[in-house]
Amino acid sequence: MRLKSSIWVSAYLRRCQKEGVFGAVRRRGAEEAGAVFVKVALLDGNAMLYTPAPQTAYEDSRPFDRIFVPMTQEPVPESSVEQRLAKEVRFDPDAWVVETEDKAGRHFLDLAKA
């Protein structure tokens, strides 16, 4: 059983805080199972967006992990990320949006599973 989205987001933000990275919930989605989108602002006008991976990315042995994929391989202007987030929220009103700020672009998503 996968953790509720609200619990996962709280744990993720705690992890960011522990590493000295500011993070906040910009949009609260469905408590139980809302999709989570993570924006990492690089504080130079660019950002990275991490989206939930497609179901085909999950291993049969670990179907309950949360796996994220970057929207692009390189940082893009924040306006592009905001446009994509607006599109995702229109498509899925239960979605969560979490934003962090880190010049180095650290996201900690490889550490925040469950």
N, C-alpha and C. Protein backbone atom coordinates (compact mmCIF):
# COMPACT_ATOMS: atom_id res chain seq x y z
N MET A 1 0.84 -1.18 0.00
CA MET A 1 0.00 0.00 0.00
C MET A 1 0.88 1.24 0.00
N ARG A 2 0.60 2.17 -0.88
CA ARG A 2 1.37 3.40 -1.01
C ARG A 2 0.95 4.38 0.08
N LEU A 3 1.92 5.17 0.56
CA LEU A 3 1.60 6.22 1.53
C LEU A 3 0.63 7.22 0.92
N LYS A 4 -0.20 7.80 1.77
CA LYS A 4 -1.06 8.88 1.31
C LYS A 4 -0.19 10.01 0.79
N SER A 5 -0.68 10.71 -0.20
CA SER A 5 0.08 11.82 -0.78
C SER A 5 0.44 12.86 0.26
N SER A 6 -0.49 13.16 1.17
CA SER A 6 -0.23 14.19 2.18
C SER A 6 0.93 13.79 3.09
N ILE A 7 1.03 12.53 3.44
CA ILE A 7 2.13 12.06 4.29
C ILE A 7 3.44 12.08 3.51
N TRP A 8 3.40 11.64 2.25
CA TRP A 8 4.62 11.64 1.42
C TRP A 8 5.15 13.06 1.28
N VAL A 9 4.26 14.02 0.99
CA VAL A 9 4.68 15.41 0.81
C VAL A 9 5.29 15.95 2.10
N SER A 10 4.69 15.67 3.23
CA SER A 10 5.25 16.12 4.51
C SER A 10 6.65 15.56 4.74
N ALA A 11 6.82 14.28 4.47
CA ALA A 11 8.13 13.65 4.65
C ALA A 11 9.15 14.23 3.67
N TYR A 12 8.73 14.47 2.45
CA TYR A 12 9.63 15.04 1.44
C TYR A 12 10.09 16.44 1.86
N LEU A 13 9.17 17.27 2.32
CA LEU A 13 9.54 18.62 2.74
C LEU A 13 10.45 18.59 3.96
N ARG A 14 10.22 17.65 4.84
CA ARG A 14 11.11 17.49 6.01
C ARG A 14 12.53 17.14 5.56
N ARG A 15 12.64 16.25 4.56
CA ARG A 15 13.94 15.87 4.02
C ARG A 15 14.64 17.09 3.42
N CYS A 16 13.91 17.88 2.66
CA CYS A 16 14.49 19.10 2.07
C CYS A 16 14.97 20.03 3.17
N GLN A 17 14.14 20.24 4.19
CA GLN A 17 14.50 21.13 5.28
C GLN A 17 15.77 20.65 5.98
N LYS A 18 15.87 19.35 6.17
CA LYS A 18 17.06 18.78 6.83
C LYS A 18 18.33 19.11 6.05
N GLU A 19 18.21 19.20 4.72
CA GLU A 19 19.36 19.49 3.86
C GLU A 19 19.56 20.99 3.64
N GLY A 20 18.73 21.82 4.30
CA GLY A 20 18.86 23.26 4.18
C GLY A 20 18.22 23.84 2.93
N VAL A 21 17.30 23.11 2.35
CA VAL A 21 16.61 23.56 1.14
C VAL A 21 15.20 23.98 1.50
N PHE A 22 14.82 25.20 1.11
CA PHE A 22 13.47 25.67 1.36
C PHE A 22 12.49 24.95 0.45
N GLY A 23 11.37 24.54 1.01
CA GLY A 23 10.33 23.90 0.22
C GLY A 23 8.97 24.21 0.81
N ALA A 24 7.96 24.23 -0.05
CA ALA A 24 6.61 24.52 0.41
C ALA A 24 5.59 23.87 -0.51
N VAL A 25 4.42 23.64 0.05
CA VAL A 25 3.30 23.14 -0.75
C VAL A 25 2.66 24.35 -1.41
N ARG A 26 2.66 24.38 -2.72
CA ARG A 26 2.01 25.47 -3.45
C ARG A 26 0.56 25.16 -3.73
N ARG A 27 0.27 23.88 -3.87
CA ARG A 27 -1.11 23.48 -4.14
C ARG A 27 -1.36 22.15 -3.46
N ARG A 28 -2.34 22.13 -2.60
CA ARG A 28 -2.71 20.91 -1.89
C ARG A 28 -3.71 20.15 -2.75
N GLY A 29 -3.40 18.88 -2.98
CA GLY A 29 -4.28 18.04 -3.78
C GLY A 29 -5.05 17.06 -2.91
N ALA A 30 -5.45 15.97 -3.51
CA ALA A 30 -6.20 14.95 -2.79
C ALA A 30 -5.30 14.31 -1.73
N GLU A 31 -5.81 14.23 -0.51
CA GLU A 31 -5.05 13.68 0.63
C GLU A 31 -4.55 12.27 0.36
N GLU A 32 -5.41 11.44 -0.18
CA GLU A 32 -5.12 10.01 -0.29
C GLU A 32 -4.17 9.68 -1.43
N ALA A 33 -4.50 10.13 -2.64
CA ALA A 33 -3.74 9.63 -3.79
C ALA A 33 -3.54 10.65 -4.89
N GLY A 34 -3.48 11.92 -4.57
CA GLY A 34 -3.24 12.93 -5.60
C GLY A 34 -1.83 12.81 -6.16
N ALA A 35 -1.69 13.02 -7.46
CA ALA A 35 -0.37 13.02 -8.09
C ALA A 35 0.44 14.19 -7.53
N VAL A 36 1.75 13.99 -7.39
CA VAL A 36 2.62 15.02 -6.83
C VAL A 36 3.59 15.49 -7.91
N PHE A 37 3.65 16.80 -8.12
CA PHE A 37 4.59 17.42 -9.04
C PHE A 37 5.56 18.25 -8.21
N VAL A 38 6.86 18.13 -8.50
CA VAL A 38 7.88 18.84 -7.72
C VAL A 38 8.63 19.79 -8.65
N LYS A 39 8.54 21.09 -8.31
CA LYS A 39 9.28 22.11 -9.04
C LYS A 39 10.51 22.47 -8.20
N VAL A 40 11.67 22.49 -8.85
CA VAL A 40 12.90 22.92 -8.19
C VAL A 40 13.34 24.22 -8.86
N ALA A 41 13.14 25.33 -8.16
CA ALA A 41 13.55 26.64 -8.67
C ALA A 41 15.05 26.80 -8.41
N LEU A 42 15.78 27.18 -9.45
CA LEU A 42 17.24 27.32 -9.35
C LEU A 42 17.66 28.72 -8.95
N LEU A 43 16.70 29.60 -8.74
CA LEU A 43 16.93 30.97 -8.27
C LEU A 43 17.68 31.83 -9.28
N ASP A 44 17.63 31.43 -10.56
CA ASP A 44 18.24 32.23 -11.62
C ASP A 44 17.25 32.43 -12.77
N GLY A 45 15.96 32.19 -12.48
CA GLY A 45 14.94 32.31 -13.51
C GLY A 45 14.63 31.00 -14.21
N ASN A 46 15.39 29.96 -13.88
CA ASN A 46 15.16 28.64 -14.46
C ASN A 46 14.71 27.67 -13.39
N ALA A 47 14.17 26.55 -13.84
CA ALA A 47 13.69 25.54 -12.90
C ALA A 47 13.68 24.17 -13.58
N MET A 48 13.52 23.16 -12.75
CA MET A 48 13.30 21.78 -13.20
C MET A 48 11.94 21.36 -12.66
N LEU A 49 11.24 20.55 -13.42
CA LEU A 49 9.97 20.00 -12.97
C LEU A 49 10.07 18.49 -13.01
N TYR A 50 9.72 17.88 -11.89
CA TYR A 50 9.71 16.43 -11.78
C TYR A 50 8.26 15.97 -11.70
N THR A 51 7.91 15.08 -12.59
CA THR A 51 6.53 14.60 -12.70
C THR A 51 6.46 13.13 -12.33
N PRO A 52 5.27 12.66 -11.96
CA PRO A 52 5.15 11.22 -11.67
C PRO A 52 5.50 10.41 -12.92
N ALA A 53 6.24 9.35 -12.71
CA ALA A 53 6.63 8.48 -13.83
C ALA A 53 5.41 7.72 -14.34
N PRO A 54 5.43 7.36 -15.62
CA PRO A 54 4.33 6.54 -16.12
C PRO A 54 4.30 5.18 -15.44
N GLN A 55 3.16 4.56 -15.40
CA GLN A 55 3.01 3.26 -14.72
C GLN A 55 4.00 2.23 -15.24
N THR A 56 4.39 2.33 -16.50
CA THR A 56 5.31 1.34 -17.07
C THR A 56 6.71 1.43 -16.46
N ALA A 57 7.01 2.50 -15.74
CA ALA A 57 8.33 2.66 -15.13
C ALA A 57 8.47 1.89 -13.82
N TYR A 58 7.36 1.39 -13.30
CA TYR A 58 7.38 0.72 -12.00
C TYR A 58 7.74 -0.74 -12.15
N GLU A 59 8.57 -1.21 -11.22
CA GLU A 59 8.92 -2.62 -11.18
C GLU A 59 7.80 -3.41 -10.52
N ASP A 60 7.62 -4.64 -10.97
CA ASP A 60 6.60 -5.49 -10.35
C ASP A 60 6.90 -5.76 -8.89
N SER A 61 8.19 -5.78 -8.55
CA SER A 61 8.57 -6.09 -7.17
C SER A 61 8.39 -4.90 -6.23
N ARG A 62 8.28 -3.67 -6.77
CA ARG A 62 8.12 -2.48 -5.94
C ARG A 62 7.04 -1.56 -6.52
N PRO A 63 5.82 -2.03 -6.60
CA PRO A 63 4.78 -1.23 -7.25
C PRO A 63 4.30 -0.02 -6.46
N PHE A 64 4.75 0.11 -5.21
CA PHE A 64 4.23 1.17 -4.36
C PHE A 64 5.18 2.36 -4.22
N ASP A 65 6.38 2.28 -4.82
CA ASP A 65 7.30 3.41 -4.79
C ASP A 65 6.72 4.57 -5.57
N ARG A 66 7.14 5.76 -5.23
CA ARG A 66 6.82 6.93 -6.05
C ARG A 66 8.07 7.21 -6.86
N ILE A 67 7.93 7.17 -8.16
CA ILE A 67 9.06 7.40 -9.06
C ILE A 67 8.76 8.67 -9.84
N PHE A 68 9.78 9.52 -9.96
CA PHE A 68 9.62 10.79 -10.67
C PHE A 68 10.57 10.83 -11.85
N VAL A 69 10.15 11.56 -12.88
CA VAL A 69 10.99 11.78 -14.05
C VAL A 69 11.04 13.27 -14.31
N PRO A 70 12.19 13.78 -14.78
CA PRO A 70 12.27 15.20 -15.10
C PRO A 70 11.50 15.52 -16.38
N MET A 71 10.88 16.70 -16.40
CA MET A 71 10.16 17.15 -17.59
C MET A 71 11.14 17.30 -18.75
N THR A 72 12.34 17.82 -18.46
CA THR A 72 13.42 17.96 -19.44
C THR A 72 14.72 17.57 -18.76
N GLN A 73 15.74 17.34 -19.54
CA GLN A 73 17.04 16.97 -18.97
C GLN A 73 17.83 18.19 -18.49
N GLU A 74 17.48 19.35 -18.99
CA GLU A 74 18.16 20.59 -18.62
C GLU A 74 17.15 21.57 -18.03
N PRO A 75 17.63 22.49 -17.18
CA PRO A 75 16.72 23.51 -16.65
C PRO A 75 16.07 24.32 -17.78
N VAL A 76 14.85 24.76 -17.53
CA VAL A 76 14.09 25.58 -18.49
C VAL A 76 13.60 26.82 -17.77
N PRO A 77 13.18 27.85 -18.52
CA PRO A 77 12.64 29.04 -17.86
C PRO A 77 11.46 28.68 -16.96
N GLU A 78 11.38 29.35 -15.82
CA GLU A 78 10.30 29.06 -14.88
C GLU A 78 8.92 29.21 -15.52
N SER A 79 8.79 30.12 -16.48
CA SER A 79 7.49 30.31 -17.13
C SER A 79 7.05 29.03 -17.84
N SER A 80 7.99 28.27 -18.41
CA SER A 80 7.65 27.00 -19.06
C SER A 80 7.16 25.98 -18.05
N VAL A 81 7.81 25.96 -16.89
CA VAL A 81 7.39 25.04 -15.84
C VAL A 81 6.00 25.42 -15.34
N GLU A 82 5.76 26.71 -15.17
CA GLU A 82 4.45 27.17 -14.70
C GLU A 82 3.34 26.84 -15.69
N GLN A 83 3.63 26.96 -16.97
CA GLN A 83 2.64 26.60 -17.99
C GLN A 83 2.31 25.11 -17.91
N ARG A 84 3.32 24.29 -17.74
CA ARG A 84 3.10 22.84 -17.64
C ARG A 84 2.30 22.51 -16.38
N LEU A 85 2.63 23.16 -15.27
CA LEU A 85 1.89 22.91 -14.03
C LEU A 85 0.42 23.30 -14.18
N ALA A 86 0.16 24.43 -14.81
CA ALA A 86 -1.23 24.87 -15.02
C ALA A 86 -1.98 23.83 -15.85
N LYS A 87 -1.33 23.31 -16.86
CA LYS A 87 -1.95 22.28 -17.71
C LYS A 87 -2.24 21.01 -16.90
N GLU A 88 -1.29 20.60 -16.07
CA GLU A 88 -1.48 19.39 -15.25
C GLU A 88 -2.62 19.55 -14.26
N VAL A 89 -2.71 20.72 -13.64
CA VAL A 89 -3.77 20.97 -12.65
C VAL A 89 -5.14 21.03 -13.32
N ARG A 90 -5.20 21.58 -14.53
CA ARG A 90 -6.48 21.57 -15.26
C ARG A 90 -6.89 20.14 -15.57
N PHE A 91 -5.92 19.30 -15.92
CA PHE A 91 -6.20 17.91 -16.25
C PHE A 91 -6.56 17.10 -15.00
N ASP A 92 -5.84 17.37 -13.91
CA ASP A 92 -6.03 16.60 -12.67
C ASP A 92 -6.18 17.56 -11.49
N PRO A 93 -7.39 17.95 -11.13
CA PRO A 93 -7.58 18.89 -10.03
C PRO A 93 -7.18 18.34 -8.66
N ASP A 94 -6.88 17.04 -8.57
CA ASP A 94 -6.43 16.45 -7.31
C ASP A 94 -4.92 16.50 -7.14
N ALA A 95 -4.21 17.08 -8.10
CA ALA A 95 -2.74 17.09 -8.08
C ALA A 95 -2.18 18.02 -7.01
N TRP A 96 -1.02 17.64 -6.50
CA TRP A 96 -0.25 18.45 -5.56
C TRP A 96 0.86 19.15 -6.34
N VAL A 97 1.23 20.36 -5.91
CA VAL A 97 2.40 21.04 -6.44
C VAL A 97 3.27 21.43 -5.26
N VAL A 98 4.50 20.92 -5.28
CA VAL A 98 5.48 21.22 -4.24
C VAL A 98 6.62 21.97 -4.92
N GLU A 99 7.07 23.05 -4.29
CA GLU A 99 8.18 23.82 -4.86
C GLU A 99 9.31 23.91 -3.86
N THR A 100 10.52 23.69 -4.36
CA THR A 100 11.72 23.88 -3.56
C THR A 100 12.61 24.90 -4.26
N GLU A 101 13.53 25.47 -3.51
CA GLU A 101 14.49 26.43 -4.05
C GLU A 101 15.89 25.99 -3.70
N ASP A 102 16.70 25.74 -4.74
CA ASP A 102 18.06 25.31 -4.50
C ASP A 102 18.91 25.64 -5.73
N LYS A 103 19.91 26.48 -5.56
CA LYS A 103 20.77 26.87 -6.67
C LYS A 103 21.45 25.67 -7.33
N ALA A 104 21.74 24.65 -6.54
CA ALA A 104 22.41 23.46 -7.08
C ALA A 104 21.43 22.50 -7.75
N GLY A 105 20.14 22.75 -7.61
CA GLY A 105 19.14 21.91 -8.26
C GLY A 105 18.90 20.57 -7.59
N ARG A 106 19.30 20.46 -6.32
CA ARG A 106 19.08 19.19 -5.62
C ARG A 106 17.59 18.96 -5.43
N HIS A 107 17.16 17.72 -5.63
CA HIS A 107 15.73 17.43 -5.53
C HIS A 107 15.41 16.34 -4.52
N PHE A 108 16.34 15.48 -4.17
CA PHE A 108 16.17 14.43 -3.16
C PHE A 108 15.08 13.41 -3.48
N LEU A 109 14.61 13.38 -4.70
CA LEU A 109 13.53 12.47 -5.05
C LEU A 109 13.99 11.02 -5.14
N ASP A 110 15.26 10.81 -5.35
CA ASP A 110 15.77 9.44 -5.35
C ASP A 110 15.83 8.88 -3.92
N LEU A 111 15.74 9.75 -2.93
CA LEU A 111 15.78 9.34 -1.53
C LEU A 111 14.39 9.26 -0.91
N ALA A 112 13.42 9.88 -1.54
CA ALA A 112 12.08 9.99 -0.95
C ALA A 112 11.14 8.99 -1.62
N LYS A 113 11.26 7.75 -1.27
CA LYS A 113 10.39 6.72 -1.86
C LYS A 113 9.40 6.23 -0.84
N ALA A 114 8.36 5.68 -1.32
CA ALA A 114 7.32 5.00 -0.52
C ALA A 114 5.97 5.33 -1.06
